[in-house]
């Protein structure tokens, strides 16, 4: 191995850094399935909707969904849904874990993505672009079908 004057332990640090990078989850290890956004309710005074989906992590390292964005809404919030004493509530969440070799399921009655400030009503039969922001893997782009909501 060739050493440069003043280089010190740089070759060892470079090998260690490349090992750490190789262990980091990548977008390729994450698969998004079953995504859907609920169509807007006609006449609703609040321009919002919800997205459900499943993220599967085929990688050996856990990751964390820390945010999402879409041009269809001013803001996308990660919400944790809970039922306590028969009352359904939701609160903002700082993120959702995606275990190594496991999955994250965002579903009706539980955790979900809330679209706030829709730029226009969502129509069943259309799609919207969504970017999921992961702590380790970075951004994952998804096309989400819009489906009719119960009671529409």
Protein backbone atom coordinates (compact mmCIF):
# COMPACT_ATOMS: atom_id res chain seq x y z
CA UNK A 1 0.00 0.00 0.00
CA UNK A 2 1.37 3.42 -0.89
CA UNK A 3 1.41 6.11 1.80
CA UNK A 4 1.44 9.83 1.16
CA UNK A 5 3.26 12.18 3.51
CA UNK A 6 0.91 13.39 6.23
CA UNK A 7 -1.84 11.00 5.12
CA UNK A 8 -1.89 9.11 8.41
CA UNK A 9 -4.63 6.50 8.76
CA UNK A 10 -6.72 7.77 5.83
CA UNK A 11 -6.69 4.46 3.89
CA UNK A 12 -8.17 2.65 6.91
CA UNK A 13 -10.82 5.36 7.39
CA UNK A 14 -11.75 5.09 3.71
CA UNK A 15 -12.24 1.32 3.99
CA UNK A 16 -14.38 1.74 7.12
CA UNK A 17 -16.50 4.46 5.50
CA UNK A 18 -17.19 2.33 2.44
CA UNK A 19 -18.20 -0.57 4.70
CA UNK A 20 -20.70 1.63 6.55
CA UNK A 21 -22.15 2.91 3.29
CA UNK A 22 -22.63 -0.61 1.98
CA UNK A 23 -24.69 -1.51 5.07
CA UNK A 24 -27.03 1.48 4.70
CA UNK A 25 -30.50 0.60 3.35
CA UNK A 26 -31.16 1.67 -0.22
CA UNK A 27 -34.35 2.61 -2.02
CA UNK A 28 -33.93 -0.66 -3.96
CA UNK A 29 -34.55 -2.67 -0.77
CA UNK A 30 -37.89 -0.89 -0.19
CA UNK A 31 -41.07 -1.86 -2.06
CA UNK A 32 -44.32 0.11 -1.80
CA UNK A 33 -47.55 -1.81 -2.47
CA UNK A 34 -51.28 -1.35 -1.97
CA UNK A 35 -51.18 2.43 -2.06
CA UNK A 36 -54.41 4.41 -2.30
CA UNK A 37 -55.61 7.94 -1.61
CA UNK A 38 -59.24 8.61 -0.76
CA UNK A 39 -61.20 10.82 -3.17
CA UNK A 40 -62.40 14.14 -1.82
CA UNK A 41 -65.87 14.25 -0.32
CA UNK A 42 -68.04 16.57 -2.44
CA UNK A 43 -68.90 19.79 -0.63
CA UNK A 44 -66.38 19.21 2.16
CA UNK A 45 -65.14 22.55 3.56
CA UNK A 46 -61.76 21.05 4.49
CA UNK A 47 -59.42 20.28 1.57
CA UNK A 48 -57.77 17.11 2.89
CA UNK A 49 -57.43 13.41 2.17
CA UNK A 50 -55.59 10.36 3.43
CA UNK A 51 -53.14 7.86 1.91
CA UNK A 52 -52.74 4.22 2.91
CA UNK A 53 -49.91 1.95 1.75
CA UNK A 54 -47.51 -0.82 2.74
CA UNK A 55 -43.71 -0.52 2.67
CA UNK A 56 -41.75 -3.77 2.60
CA UNK A 57 -38.06 -3.73 3.53
CA UNK A 58 -36.10 -6.61 1.95
CA UNK A 59 -32.86 -5.19 3.32
CA UNK A 60 -30.85 -6.31 6.33
CA UNK A 61 -31.06 -2.86 7.99
CA UNK A 62 -34.10 -1.08 9.43
CA UNK A 63 -35.16 2.28 8.04
CA UNK A 64 -37.62 5.00 9.04
CA UNK A 65 -40.23 6.87 7.03
CA UNK A 66 -39.71 10.49 8.16
CA UNK A 67 -41.87 12.42 5.71
CA UNK A 68 -43.66 12.61 2.39
CA UNK A 69 -44.54 15.20 -0.23
CA UNK A 70 -46.81 15.62 -3.24
CA UNK A 71 -47.72 18.52 -5.51
CA UNK A 72 -51.38 17.60 -4.83
CA UNK A 73 -51.23 19.08 -1.29
CA UNK A 74 -49.47 21.88 0.57
CA UNK A 75 -48.41 19.47 3.30
CA UNK A 76 -48.28 15.73 4.02
CA UNK A 77 -48.33 14.76 7.69
CA UNK A 78 -47.49 11.38 9.19
CA UNK A 79 -50.33 10.52 11.56
CA UNK A 80 -50.57 7.84 14.22
CA UNK A 81 -54.14 6.59 14.64
CA UNK A 82 -55.30 5.15 17.95
CA UNK A 83 -58.53 4.02 19.60
CA UNK A 84 -58.74 4.65 23.34
CA UNK A 85 -61.85 3.92 25.38
CA UNK A 86 -63.79 3.54 22.12
CA UNK A 87 -62.73 6.94 20.79
CA UNK A 88 -60.64 7.15 17.61
CA UNK A 89 -57.92 9.80 17.69
CA UNK A 90 -54.96 10.76 15.55
CA UNK A 91 -51.84 12.70 16.27
CA UNK A 92 -48.83 13.80 14.29
CA UNK A 93 -45.89 11.40 14.32
CA UNK A 94 -42.19 12.07 13.81
CA UNK A 95 -41.90 8.96 11.66
CA UNK A 96 -42.65 5.29 11.24
CA UNK A 97 -40.15 2.45 11.55
CA UNK A 98 -39.70 -0.04 8.71
CA UNK A 99 -38.00 -3.10 10.25
CA UNK A 100 -35.30 -5.03 8.41
CA UNK A 101 -36.95 -7.92 6.59
CA UNK A 102 -40.34 -6.58 7.68
CA UNK A 103 -42.98 -4.09 6.71
CA UNK A 104 -44.76 -0.89 7.65
CA UNK A 105 -48.51 -0.90 7.03
CA UNK A 106 -50.43 2.37 6.89
CA UNK A 107 -54.14 1.48 6.94
CA UNK A 108 -57.62 2.74 7.75
CA UNK A 109 -58.12 3.02 11.51
CA UNK A 110 -54.39 3.20 12.16
CA UNK A 111 -51.27 4.99 11.00
CA UNK A 112 -51.63 6.93 7.74
CA UNK A 113 -50.43 9.87 5.65
CA UNK A 114 -52.68 12.93 5.85
CA UNK A 115 -52.81 15.28 2.85
CA UNK A 116 -53.45 18.82 4.10
CA UNK A 117 -54.41 21.73 1.87
CA UNK A 118 -55.26 19.88 -1.35
CA UNK A 119 -54.52 21.97 -4.42
CA UNK A 120 -57.73 20.61 -6.02
CA UNK A 121 -60.29 17.92 -5.09
CA UNK A 122 -59.10 14.35 -5.62
CA UNK A 123 -61.22 12.41 -8.11
CA UNK A 124 -61.64 8.61 -7.97
CA UNK A 125 -59.97 6.94 -10.95
CA UNK A 126 -57.07 9.40 -11.13
CA UNK A 127 -53.57 9.15 -9.64
CA UNK A 128 -51.23 11.44 -7.75
CA UNK A 129 -47.43 11.47 -7.45
CA UNK A 130 -46.00 10.94 -3.97
CA UNK A 131 -42.43 11.03 -2.70
CA UNK A 132 -41.73 9.11 0.51
CA UNK A 133 -38.73 10.39 2.48
CA UNK A 134 -36.75 7.70 4.35
CA UNK A 135 -34.05 8.38 6.91
CA UNK A 136 -31.53 5.95 5.36
CA UNK A 137 -32.72 5.08 1.83
CA UNK A 138 -33.62 8.63 0.81
CA UNK A 139 -36.54 9.39 -1.50
CA UNK A 140 -38.83 6.77 -3.03
CA UNK A 141 -41.29 7.90 -5.72
CA UNK A 142 -44.74 6.32 -5.89
CA UNK A 143 -47.81 6.83 -8.09
CA UNK A 144 -50.89 6.55 -5.86
CA UNK A 145 -54.33 5.66 -7.27
CA UNK A 146 -57.25 7.71 -5.96
CA UNK A 147 -60.19 5.57 -4.86
CA UNK A 148 -63.75 6.42 -3.84
CA UNK A 149 -64.19 6.92 -0.11
CA UNK A 150 -67.09 5.29 1.73
CA UNK A 151 -69.95 7.75 1.87
CA UNK A 152 -68.95 9.62 -1.32
